[in-house]
Amino acid sequence: MALAKILAVVTLVSLTLGAGLQVDRDHLRAILKNIGLLGRALLANFVIVPLLGVLIAKVFRLPGPIATGFLLMAIAPGVPFVLAQVRKRGGSLGFAVALAFFLPLLSIVTVPITADLVLPTAAKAQLPMARFVMTLVLFQLVPLLVGIIAGGTWPTAAAKLARWLQIVFFATAILLVVSLMPTIARDVGIIFGSGGMWAAFCLVILSLGSGWLLAGPRREDRRVLAIGTGLRNIGLGALIATSSFGRPEVAAMVIAYFLIQFIVVSIVGVYFTRTAEKAPA
């Protein structure tokens, strides 16, 4: 699990550093004028998806370690690489920039609180809160702030670095899946038999739907919030799973959730891309 932990750290840092590099202050100021849209986006990601996760875990009666991995993904919002493809999918770039900034920033506060509220009791006992918060600060908050400062100071270099960081993110995410594949293969029967995969599929679909419905009438906002809510933070989920829990089923469930969300959101993204010309300019 040591290699998996290192890969999870690199995945999370590349994700949040890349998000910071792409933050545009003009876009942030513009979206702050639409507090209603931003508030609904935060409601979808920080409240509705975790609540749906708790309900689905109870409906499927997920066992402790499987429920822990499943809920880690439910409470971890923010995959900022939606920025890279938002335009060709007919989405709003300014709104995507705002999500790339606010979701990882606010999750520093919300994730520890939500974890304490929704994780199984046995899981909370294995999660030292002080170390958990320190992990979020070091590997999520600091890279995000460094990226914002660097992006504002050296915009041309930041744009090039952001593209490389996306490559690093995808490469380390793939390596993370490969490194945990023996664990996944060993525990796939447990995950599937417990209903974990169906639970993940249901939550991804409901997350996409929640984002779409809460974004309001503008199609370009709906596309961004649907994808932004449907994608959960694999870097954060994997880092917590590999560093704080001894049961391998927790990390296996996190990776299984990641693979399911990747497939579902990719299919939705293809549909958005093909219908992008019909979206408002």
C-alpha atoms as a PDB file:
ATOM      1  CA  MET A   1       0.000   0.000   0.000  1.00  0.00           C
ATOM      2  CA  ALA A   2       3.041   2.310   0.295  1.00  0.00           C
ATOM      3  CA  LEU A   3       3.244   2.701  -3.492  1.00  0.00           C
ATOM      4  CA  ALA A   4      -0.500   3.285  -3.690  1.00  0.00           C
ATOM      5  CA  LYS A   5      -0.222   6.015  -1.043  1.00  0.00           C
ATOM      6  CA  ILE A   6       2.547   7.795  -2.977  1.00  0.00           C
ATOM      7  CA  LEU A   7       0.549   7.593  -6.197  1.00  0.00           C
ATOM      8  CA  ALA A   8      -2.531   8.915  -4.388  1.00  0.00           C
ATOM      9  CA  VAL A   9      -0.536  11.899  -3.117  1.00  0.00           C
ATOM     10  CA  VAL A  10       0.781  12.690  -6.604  1.00  0.00           C
ATOM     11  CA  THR A  11      -2.717  12.308  -8.046  1.00  0.00           C
ATOM     12  CA  LEU A  12      -4.223  14.716  -5.515  1.00  0.00           C
ATOM     13  CA  VAL A  13      -1.425  17.298  -5.739  1.00  0.00           C
ATOM     14  CA  SER A  14      -1.428  17.317  -9.557  1.00  0.00           C
ATOM     15  CA  LEU A  15      -5.208  17.717  -9.501  1.00  0.00           C
ATOM     16  CA  THR A  16      -5.330  20.669  -7.114  1.00  0.00           C
ATOM     17  CA  LEU A  17      -2.172  22.381  -8.372  1.00  0.00           C
ATOM     18  CA  GLY A  18      -3.520  22.165 -11.914  1.00  0.00           C
ATOM     19  CA  ALA A  19      -6.846  23.617 -10.743  1.00  0.00           C
ATOM     20  CA  GLY A  20      -5.081  26.563  -9.131  1.00  0.00           C
ATOM     21  CA  LEU A  21      -3.074  27.273 -12.284  1.00  0.00           C
ATOM     22  CA  GLN A  22      -6.273  27.502 -14.348  1.00  0.00           C
ATOM     23  CA  VAL A  23      -8.148  29.856 -12.014  1.00  0.00           C
ATOM     24  CA  ASP A  24      -9.019  33.118 -13.731  1.00  0.00           C
ATOM     25  CA  ARG A  25      -9.864  35.995 -11.388  1.00  0.00           C
ATOM     26  CA  ASP A  26     -12.190  37.661 -13.888  1.00  0.00           C
ATOM     27  CA  HIS A  27     -14.224  34.456 -14.141  1.00  0.00           C
ATOM     28  CA  LEU A  28     -14.363  34.204 -10.350  1.00  0.00           C
ATOM     29  CA  ARG A  29     -15.608  37.779 -10.021  1.00  0.00           C
ATOM     30  CA  ALA A  30     -18.244  37.109 -12.673  1.00  0.00           C
ATOM     31  CA  ILE A  31     -19.583  33.964 -11.005  1.00  0.00           C
ATOM     32  CA  LEU A  32     -19.648  35.664  -7.587  1.00  0.00           C
ATOM     33  CA  LYS A  33     -22.294  37.964  -9.045  1.00  0.00           C
ATOM     34  CA  ASN A  34     -24.509  34.898  -9.459  1.00  0.00           C
ATOM     35  CA  ILE A  35     -24.618  33.757  -5.851  1.00  0.00           C
ATOM     36  CA  GLY A  36     -27.706  31.639  -6.469  1.00  0.00           C
ATOM     37  CA  LEU A  37     -25.981  29.420  -9.036  1.00  0.00           C
ATOM     38  CA  LEU A  38     -22.852  29.086  -6.915  1.00  0.00           C
ATOM     39  CA  GLY A  39     -24.915  28.282  -3.834  1.00  0.00           C
ATOM     40  CA  ARG A  40     -26.810  25.535  -5.659  1.00  0.00           C
ATOM     41  CA  ALA A  41     -23.526  24.088  -6.918  1.00  0.00           C
ATOM     42  CA  LEU A  42     -22.183  23.927  -3.364  1.00  0.00           C
ATOM     43  CA  LEU A  43     -25.467  22.456  -2.123  1.00  0.00           C
ATOM     44  CA  ALA A  44     -25.307  19.696  -4.740  1.00  0.00           C
ATOM     45  CA  ASN A  45     -21.710  18.753  -3.995  1.00  0.00           C
ATOM     46  CA  PHE A  46     -21.422  19.214  -0.248  1.00  0.00           C
ATOM     47  CA  VAL A  47     -24.899  18.261   0.967  1.00  0.00           C
ATOM     48  CA  ILE A  48     -27.027  16.392  -1.561  1.00  0.00           C
ATOM     49  CA  VAL A  49     -24.450  13.883  -2.849  1.00  0.00           C
ATOM     50  CA  PRO A  50     -23.245  12.890   0.668  1.00  0.00           C
ATOM     51  CA  LEU A  51     -26.871  12.494   1.796  1.00  0.00           C
ATOM     52  CA  LEU A  52     -27.654  10.374  -1.245  1.00  0.00           C
ATOM     53  CA  GLY A  53     -24.539   8.337  -0.464  1.00  0.00           C
ATOM     54  CA  VAL A  54     -25.763   7.613   3.070  1.00  0.00           C
ATOM     55  CA  LEU A  55     -29.218   6.630   1.818  1.00  0.00           C
ATOM     56  CA  ILE A  56     -27.854   4.382  -0.935  1.00  0.00           C
ATOM     57  CA  ALA A  57     -25.401   2.713   1.472  1.00  0.00           C
ATOM     58  CA  LYS A  58     -28.341   1.886   3.749  1.00  0.00           C
ATOM     59  CA  VAL A  59     -30.571   0.704   0.903  1.00  0.00           C
ATOM     60  CA  PHE A  60     -27.872  -1.682  -0.351  1.00  0.00           C
ATOM     61  CA  ARG A  61     -26.829  -2.561   3.225  1.00  0.00           C
ATOM     62  CA  LEU A  62     -23.173  -2.148   2.358  1.00  0.00           C
ATOM     63  CA  PRO A  63     -20.798  -3.815   4.854  1.00  0.00           C
ATOM     64  CA  GLY A  64     -18.457  -1.578   6.873  1.00  0.00           C
ATOM     65  CA  PRO A  65     -15.289  -1.439   4.705  1.00  0.00           C
ATOM     66  CA  ILE A  66     -17.280  -1.234   1.439  1.00  0.00           C
ATOM     67  CA  ALA A  67     -19.509   1.502   2.870  1.00  0.00           C
ATOM     68  CA  THR A  68     -16.424   3.394   4.047  1.00  0.00           C
ATOM     69  CA  GLY A  69     -14.814   3.440   0.588  1.00  0.00           C
ATOM     70  CA  PHE A  70     -18.139   4.299  -1.030  1.00  0.00           C
ATOM     71  CA  LEU A  71     -18.818   7.192   1.359  1.00  0.00           C
ATOM     72  CA  LEU A  72     -15.265   8.528   1.056  1.00  0.00           C
ATOM     73  CA  MET A  73     -16.003   9.190  -2.602  1.00  0.00           C
ATOM     74  CA  ALA A  74     -19.449  10.594  -1.829  1.00  0.00           C
ATOM     75  CA  ILE A  75     -18.039  13.248   0.518  1.00  0.00           C
ATOM     76  CA  ALA A  76     -15.025  14.206  -1.659  1.00  0.00           C
ATOM     77  CA  PRO A  77     -16.118  16.667  -4.368  1.00  0.00           C
ATOM     78  CA  GLY A  78     -14.115  18.365  -7.026  1.00  0.00           C
ATOM     79  CA  VAL A  79     -12.384  17.044 -10.131  1.00  0.00           C
ATOM     80  CA  PRO A  80     -11.126  20.260 -11.749  1.00  0.00           C
ATOM     81  CA  PHE A  81      -9.942  18.687 -15.012  1.00  0.00           C
ATOM     82  CA  VAL A  82     -13.479  19.260 -16.341  1.00  0.00           C
ATOM     83  CA  LEU A  83     -12.004  22.632 -17.308  1.00  0.00           C
ATOM     84  CA  ALA A  84      -9.935  21.010 -20.047  1.00  0.00           C
ATOM     85  CA  GLN A  85     -12.957  19.870 -22.021  1.00  0.00           C
ATOM     86  CA  VAL A  86     -15.760  22.156 -20.908  1.00  0.00           C
ATOM     87  CA  ARG A  87     -15.863  24.216 -24.102  1.00  0.00           C
ATOM     88  CA  LYS A  88     -16.140  21.337 -26.543  1.00  0.00           C
ATOM     89  CA  ARG A  89     -18.885  19.880 -24.368  1.00  0.00           C
ATOM     90  CA  GLY A  90     -20.917  23.055 -24.631  1.00  0.00           C
ATOM     91  CA  GLY A  91     -20.333  24.128 -21.037  1.00  0.00           C
ATOM     92  CA  SER A  92     -19.706  27.476 -19.387  1.00  0.00           C
ATOM     93  CA  LEU A  93     -15.984  28.099 -18.931  1.00  0.00           C
ATOM     94  CA  GLY A  94     -16.488  30.751 -16.251  1.00  0.00           C
ATOM     95  CA  PHE A  95     -18.673  28.429 -14.162  1.00  0.00           C
ATOM     96  CA  ALA A  96     -16.183  25.581 -14.565  1.00  0.00           C
ATOM     97  CA  VAL A  97     -13.367  27.855 -13.362  1.00  0.00           C
ATOM     98  CA  ALA A  98     -15.414  28.743 -10.285  1.00  0.00           C
ATOM     99  CA  LEU A  99     -16.072  25.078  -9.466  1.00  0.00           C
ATOM    100  CA  ALA A 100     -12.391  24.235  -9.956  1.00  0.00           C
ATOM    101  CA  PHE A 101     -11.573  26.836  -7.312  1.00  0.00           C
ATOM    102  CA  PHE A 102     -14.381  26.616  -4.770  1.00  0.00           C
ATOM    103  CA  LEU A 103     -14.886  22.835  -4.543  1.00  0.00           C
ATOM    104  CA  PRO A 104     -11.328  21.886  -3.498  1.00  0.00           C
ATOM    105  CA  LEU A 105     -10.994  25.035  -1.372  1.00  0.00           C
ATOM    106  CA  LEU A 106     -14.172  24.572   0.666  1.00  0.00           C
ATOM    107  CA  SER A 107     -13.763  20.799   0.918  1.00  0.00           C
ATOM    108  CA  ILE A 108     -10.815  21.447   3.254  1.00  0.00           C
ATOM    109  CA  VAL A 109     -13.468  22.384   5.811  1.00  0.00           C
ATOM    110  CA  THR A 110     -16.447  20.307   4.725  1.00  0.00           C
ATOM    111  CA  VAL A 111     -14.835  16.899   4.192  1.00  0.00           C
ATOM    112  CA  PRO A 112     -13.676  16.400   7.833  1.00  0.00           C
ATOM    113  CA  ILE A 113     -17.101  17.516   9.090  1.00  0.00           C
ATOM    114  CA  THR A 114     -18.978  15.303   6.646  1.00  0.00           C
ATOM    115  CA  ALA A 115     -16.679  12.361   7.354  1.00  0.00           C
ATOM    116  CA  ASP A 116     -17.487  12.643  11.052  1.00  0.00           C
ATOM    117  CA  LEU A 117     -21.208  12.687  10.253  1.00  0.00           C
ATOM    118  CA  VAL A 118     -21.551   9.937   7.645  1.00  0.00           C
ATOM    119  CA  LEU A 119     -18.726   7.395   7.960  1.00  0.00           C
ATOM    120  CA  PRO A 120     -19.402   4.169   9.883  1.00  0.00           C
ATOM    121  CA  THR A 121     -18.458   4.333  13.562  1.00  0.00           C
ATOM    122  CA  ALA A 122     -15.634   1.802  13.159  1.00  0.00           C
ATOM    123  CA  ALA A 123     -14.189   3.842  10.275  1.00  0.00           C
ATOM    124  CA  LYS A 124     -14.230   7.091  12.259  1.00  0.00           C
ATOM    125  CA  ALA A 125     -12.258   5.386  15.011  1.00  0.00           C
ATOM    126  CA  GLN A 126      -9.489   4.629  12.487  1.00  0.00           C
ATOM    127  CA  LEU A 127      -9.394   8.177  11.111  1.00  0.00           C
ATOM    128  CA  PRO A 128      -7.290  10.525  13.286  1.00  0.00           C
ATOM    129  CA  MET A 129      -8.999  13.859  12.648  1.00  0.00           C
ATOM    130  CA  ALA A 130      -5.909  16.012  13.256  1.00  0.00           C
ATOM    131  CA  ARG A 131      -3.837  14.023  10.747  1.00  0.00           C
ATOM    132  CA  PHE A 132      -6.767  13.996   8.356  1.00  0.00           C
ATOM    133  CA  VAL A 133      -7.032  17.800   8.395  1.00  0.00           C
ATOM    134  CA  MET A 134      -3.257  18.148   8.040  1.00  0.00           C
ATOM    135  CA  THR A 135      -3.361  15.878   4.985  1.00  0.00           C
ATOM    136  CA  LEU A 136      -6.014  18.086   3.396  1.00  0.00           C
ATOM    137  CA  VAL A 137      -4.021  21.244   4.110  1.00  0.00           C
ATOM    138  CA  LEU A 138      -0.685  19.896   2.830  1.00  0.00           C
ATOM    139  CA  PHE A 139      -1.846  18.024  -0.248  1.00  0.00           C
ATOM    140  CA  GLN A 140      -4.937  19.967  -1.305  1.00  0.00           C
ATOM    141  CA  LEU A 141      -4.979  23.519   0.075  1.00  0.00           C
ATOM    142  CA  VAL A 142      -1.274  24.353  -0.348  1.00  0.00           C
ATOM    143  CA  PRO A 143      -1.022  23.141  -4.000  1.00  0.00           C
ATOM    144  CA  LEU A 144      -4.242  24.993  -4.835  1.00  0.00           C
ATOM    145  CA  LEU A 145      -2.938  28.278  -3.410  1.00  0.00           C
ATOM    146  CA  VAL A 146       0.486  27.810  -5.016  1.00  0.00           C
ATOM    147  CA  GLY A 147      -1.223  27.229  -8.350  1.00  0.00           C
ATOM    148  CA  ILE A 148      -3.361  30.367  -8.011  1.00  0.00           C
ATOM    149  CA  ILE A 149      -0.328  32.519  -7.177  1.00  0.00           C
ATOM    150  CA  ALA A 150       1.789  31.013  -9.970  1.00  0.00           C
ATOM    151  CA  GLY A 151      -1.041  31.298 -12.482  1.00  0.00           C
ATOM    152  CA  GLY A 152      -1.525  34.975 -11.729  1.00  0.00           C
ATOM    153  CA  THR A 153       2.206  35.712 -11.832  1.00  0.00           C
ATOM    154  CA  TRP A 154       3.320  33.648 -14.839  1.00  0.00           C
ATOM    155  CA  PRO A 155       0.162  32.970 -16.895  1.00  0.00           C
ATOM    156  CA  THR A 156       1.909  31.644 -20.019  1.00  0.00           C
ATOM    157  CA  ALA A 157       4.102  29.185 -18.120  1.00  0.00           C
ATOM    158  CA  ALA A 158       1.145  28.232 -15.923  1.00  0.00           C
ATOM    159  CA  ALA A 159      -0.969  27.281 -18.961  1.00  0.00           C
ATOM    160  CA  LYS A 160       1.789  24.964 -20.220  1.00  0.00           C
ATOM    161  CA  LEU A 161       2.351  23.450 -16.788  1.00  0.00           C
ATOM    162  CA  ALA A 162      -1.390  22.874 -16.345  1.00  0.00           C
ATOM    163  CA  ARG A 163      -1.457  20.733 -19.488  1.00  0.00           C
ATOM    164  CA  TRP A 164       1.452  18.646 -18.202  1.00  0.00           C
ATOM    165  CA  LEU A 165      -0.221  18.261 -14.819  1.00  0.00           C
ATOM    166  CA  GLN A 166      -3.303  16.826 -16.504  1.00  0.00           C
ATOM    167  CA  ILE A 167      -1.061  14.207 -18.092  1.00  0.00           C
ATOM    168  CA  VAL A 168       0.524  13.517 -14.705  1.00  0.00           C
ATOM    169  CA  PHE A 169      -2.910  13.176 -13.130  1.00  0.00           C
ATOM    170  CA  PHE A 170      -4.164  10.646 -15.675  1.00  0.00           C
ATOM    171  CA  ALA A 171      -0.870   8.722 -15.610  1.00  0.00           C
ATOM    172  CA  THR A 172      -0.781   8.431 -11.820  1.00  0.00           C
ATOM    173  CA  ALA A 173      -4.494   7.599 -11.674  1.00  0.00           C
ATOM    174  CA  ILE A 174      -3.895   4.726 -14.105  1.00  0.00           C
ATOM    175  CA  LEU A 175      -0.842   3.565 -12.134  1.00  0.00           C
ATOM    176  CA  LEU A 176      -2.903   3.765  -8.935  1.00  0.00           C
ATOM    177  CA  VAL A 177      -5.541   1.508 -10.446  1.00  0.00           C
ATOM    178  CA  VAL A 178      -2.848  -0.905 -11.670  1.00  0.00           C
ATOM    179  CA  SER A 179      -1.079  -0.960  -8.290  1.00  0.00           C
ATOM    180  CA  LEU A 180      -4.337  -1.808  -6.528  1.00  0.00           C
ATOM    181  CA  MET A 181      -5.538  -4.229  -9.201  1.00  0.00           C
ATOM    182  CA  PRO A 182      -4.488  -7.344  -7.216  1.00  0.00           C
ATOM    183  CA  THR A 183      -6.542  -6.036  -4.287  1.00  0.00           C
ATOM    184  CA  ILE A 184      -9.464  -5.204  -6.552  1.00  0.00           C
ATOM    185  CA  ALA A 185      -9.296  -8.630  -8.227  1.00  0.00           C
ATOM    186  CA  ARG A 186      -9.213 -10.342  -4.846  1.00  0.00           C
ATOM    187  CA  ASP A 187     -12.085  -8.280  -3.437  1.00  0.00           C
ATOM    188  CA  VAL A 188     -14.212  -7.871  -6.565  1.00  0.00           C
ATOM    189  CA  GLY A 189     -16.486 -10.672  -5.438  1.00  0.00           C
ATOM    190  CA  ILE A 190     -17.010  -8.970  -2.093  1.00  0.00           C
ATOM    191  CA  ILE A 191     -17.658  -5.583  -3.713  1.00  0.00           C
ATOM    192  CA  PHE A 192     -20.027  -6.961  -6.334  1.00  0.00           C
ATOM    193  CA  GLY A 193     -21.735  -9.361  -3.964  1.00  0.00           C
ATOM    194  CA  SER A 194     -22.307  -6.622  -1.409  1.00  0.00           C
ATOM    195  CA  GLY A 195     -23.936  -4.373  -4.002  1.00  0.00           C
ATOM    196  CA  GLY A 196     -21.067  -1.892  -3.900  1.00  0.00           C
ATOM    197  CA  MET A 197     -20.825  -1.564  -7.672  1.00  0.00           C
ATOM    198  CA  TRP A 198     -24.550  -1.031  -8.085  1.00  0.00           C
ATOM    199  CA  ALA A 199     -24.474   1.494  -5.253  1.00  0.00           C
ATOM    200  CA  ALA A 200     -21.676   3.402  -7.002  1.00  0.00           C
ATOM    201  CA  PHE A 201     -23.552   3.336 -10.308  1.00  0.00           C
ATOM    202  CA  CYS A 202     -26.726   4.665  -8.673  1.00  0.00           C
ATOM    203  CA  LEU A 203     -24.878   7.465  -6.881  1.00  0.00           C
ATOM    204  CA  VAL A 204     -23.043   8.568 -10.032  1.00  0.00           C
ATOM    205  CA  ILE A 205     -26.328   8.728 -11.964  1.00  0.00           C
ATOM    206  CA  LEU A 206     -28.107  10.607  -9.179  1.00  0.00           C
ATOM    207  CA  SER A 207     -25.150  12.988  -8.789  1.00  0.00           C
ATOM    208  CA  LEU A 208     -25.235  13.835 -12.483  1.00  0.00           C
ATOM    209  CA  GLY A 209     -28.985  14.375 -12.271  1.00  0.00           C
ATOM    210  CA  SER A 210     -28.702  16.547  -9.169  1.00  0.00           C
ATOM    211  CA  GLY A 211     -26.140  18.797 -10.827  1.00  0.00           C
ATOM    212  CA  TRP A 212     -28.222  19.079 -13.983  1.00  0.00           C
ATOM    213  CA  LEU A 213     -31.421  19.970 -12.119  1.00  0.00           C
ATOM    214  CA  LEU A 214     -29.852  22.456  -9.712  1.00  0.00           C
ATOM    215  CA  ALA A 215     -27.897  24.400 -12.326  1.00  0.00           C
ATOM    216  CA  GLY A 216     -30.925  26.309 -13.539  1.00  0.00           C
ATOM    217  CA  PRO A 217     -32.260  26.870 -17.055  1.00  0.00           C
ATOM    218  CA  ARG A 218     -29.009  27.610 -18.932  1.00  0.00           C
ATOM    219  CA  ARG A 219     -27.792  24.492 -20.755  1.00  0.00           C
ATOM    220  CA  GLU A 220     -24.101  25.446 -20.535  1.00  0.00           C
ATOM    221  CA  ASP A 221     -24.378  25.721 -16.727  1.00  0.00           C
ATOM    222  CA  ARG A 222     -26.234  22.408 -16.517  1.00  0.00           C
ATOM    223  CA  ARG A 223     -23.497  20.601 -18.419  1.00  0.00           C
ATOM    224  CA  VAL A 224     -20.764  21.917 -16.143  1.00  0.00           C
ATOM    225  CA  LEU A 225     -22.581  21.241 -12.870  1.00  0.00           C
ATOM    226  CA  ALA A 226     -23.767  17.790 -13.964  1.00  0.00           C
ATOM    227  CA  ILE A 227     -20.214  16.668 -14.737  1.00  0.00           C
ATOM    228  CA  GLY A 228     -18.710  18.607 -11.837  1.00  0.00           C
ATOM    229  CA  THR A 229     -21.101  16.918  -9.391  1.00  0.00           C
ATOM    230  CA  GLY A 230     -20.915  13.469 -10.976  1.00  0.00           C
ATOM    231  CA  LEU A 231     -17.123  13.332 -10.685  1.00  0.00           C
ATOM    232  CA  ARG A 232     -15.762  12.814  -7.178  1.00  0.00           C
ATOM    233  CA  ASN A 233     -12.182  13.391  -6.073  1.00  0.00           C
ATOM    234  CA  ILE A 234     -10.286  10.125  -6.633  1.00  0.00           C
ATOM    235  CA  GLY A 235      -7.026  11.627  -5.371  1.00  0.00           C
ATOM    236  CA  LEU A 236      -8.492  12.536  -1.988  1.00  0.00           C
ATOM    237  CA  GLY A 237     -10.541   9.368  -1.667  1.00  0.00           C
ATOM    238  CA  ALA A 238      -7.593   7.130  -2.520  1.00  0.00           C
ATOM    239  CA  LEU A 239      -5.200   8.995  -0.229  1.00  0.00           C
ATOM    240  CA  ILE A 240      -7.506   8.653   2.780  1.00  0.00           C
ATOM    241  CA  ALA A 241      -8.262   5.014   1.959  1.00  0.00           C
ATOM    242  CA  THR A 242      -4.602   3.999   1.608  1.00  0.00           C
ATOM    243  CA  SER A 243      -3.217   6.009   4.510  1.00  0.00           C
ATOM    244  CA  SER A 244      -5.863   5.644   7.213  1.00  0.00           C
ATOM    245  CA  PHE A 245      -7.524   2.258   6.777  1.00  0.00           C
ATOM    246  CA  GLY A 246      -5.918  -1.155   7.078  1.00  0.00           C
ATOM    247  CA  ARG A 247      -8.727  -3.010   5.331  1.00  0.00           C
ATOM    248  CA  PRO A 248      -7.880  -3.330   1.602  1.00  0.00           C
ATOM    249  CA  GLU A 249     -11.579  -3.426   0.701  1.00  0.00           C
ATOM    250  CA  VAL A 250     -11.801   0.313   1.453  1.00  0.00           C
ATOM    251  CA  ALA A 251      -9.251   1.228  -1.237  1.00  0.00           C
ATOM    252  CA  ALA A 252     -10.716  -1.380  -3.605  1.00  0.00           C
ATOM    253  CA  MET A 253     -14.164   0.232  -3.286  1.00  0.00           C
ATOM    254  CA  VAL A 254     -12.699   3.703  -3.910  1.00  0.00           C
ATOM    255  CA  ILE A 255     -11.044   2.475  -7.134  1.00  0.00           C
ATOM    256  CA  ALA A 256     -14.196   0.611  -8.186  1.00  0.00           C
ATOM    257  CA  TYR A 257     -16.205   3.808  -7.700  1.00  0.00           C
ATOM    258  CA  PHE A 258     -13.632   5.766  -9.726  1.00  0.00           C
ATOM    259  CA  LEU A 259     -13.826   3.323 -12.636  1.00  0.00           C
ATOM    260  CA  ILE A 260     -17.628   3.371 -12.647  1.00  0.00           C
ATOM    261  CA  GLN A 261     -17.832   7.158 -12.507  1.00  0.00           C
ATOM    262  CA  PHE A 262     -15.211   7.458 -15.243  1.00  0.00           C
ATOM    263  CA  ILE A 263     -17.200   5.203 -17.586  1.00  0.00           C
ATOM    264  CA  VAL A 264     -20.579   6.812 -16.878  1.00  0.00           C
ATOM    265  CA  VAL A 265     -19.344  10.419 -17.028  1.00  0.00           C
ATOM    266  CA  SER A 266     -17.347   9.680 -20.198  1.00  0.00           C
ATOM    267  CA  ILE A 267     -20.519   8.421 -21.909  1.00  0.00           C
ATOM    268  CA  VAL A 268     -22.398  11.534 -20.786  1.00  0.00           C
ATOM    269  CA  GLY A 269     -19.473  13.678 -21.931  1.00  0.00           C
ATOM    270  CA  VAL A 270     -19.556  12.121 -25.399  1.00  0.00           C
ATOM    271  CA  TYR A 271     -23.268  12.970 -25.647  1.00  0.00           C
ATOM    272  CA  PHE A 272     -22.587  16.551 -24.508  1.00  0.00           C
ATOM    273  CA  THR A 273     -19.805  16.888 -27.085  1.00  0.00           C
ATOM    274  CA  ARG A 274     -21.964  15.619 -29.942  1.00  0.00           C
ATOM    275  CA  THR A 275     -24.775  17.989 -29.024  1.00  0.00           C
ATOM    276  CA  ALA A 276     -22.551  20.960 -28.204  1.00  0.00           C
ATOM    277  CA  GLU A 277     -23.473  22.796 -31.411  1.00  0.00           C
ATOM    278  CA  LYS A 278     -27.071  22.837 -30.265  1.00  0.00           C
ATOM    279  CA  ALA A 279     -26.129  24.438 -26.965  1.00  0.00           C
ATOM    280  CA  PRO A 280     -26.356  28.229 -26.634  1.00  0.00           C
ATOM    281  CA  ALA A 281     -23.141  30.007 -27.584  1.00  0.00           C
END
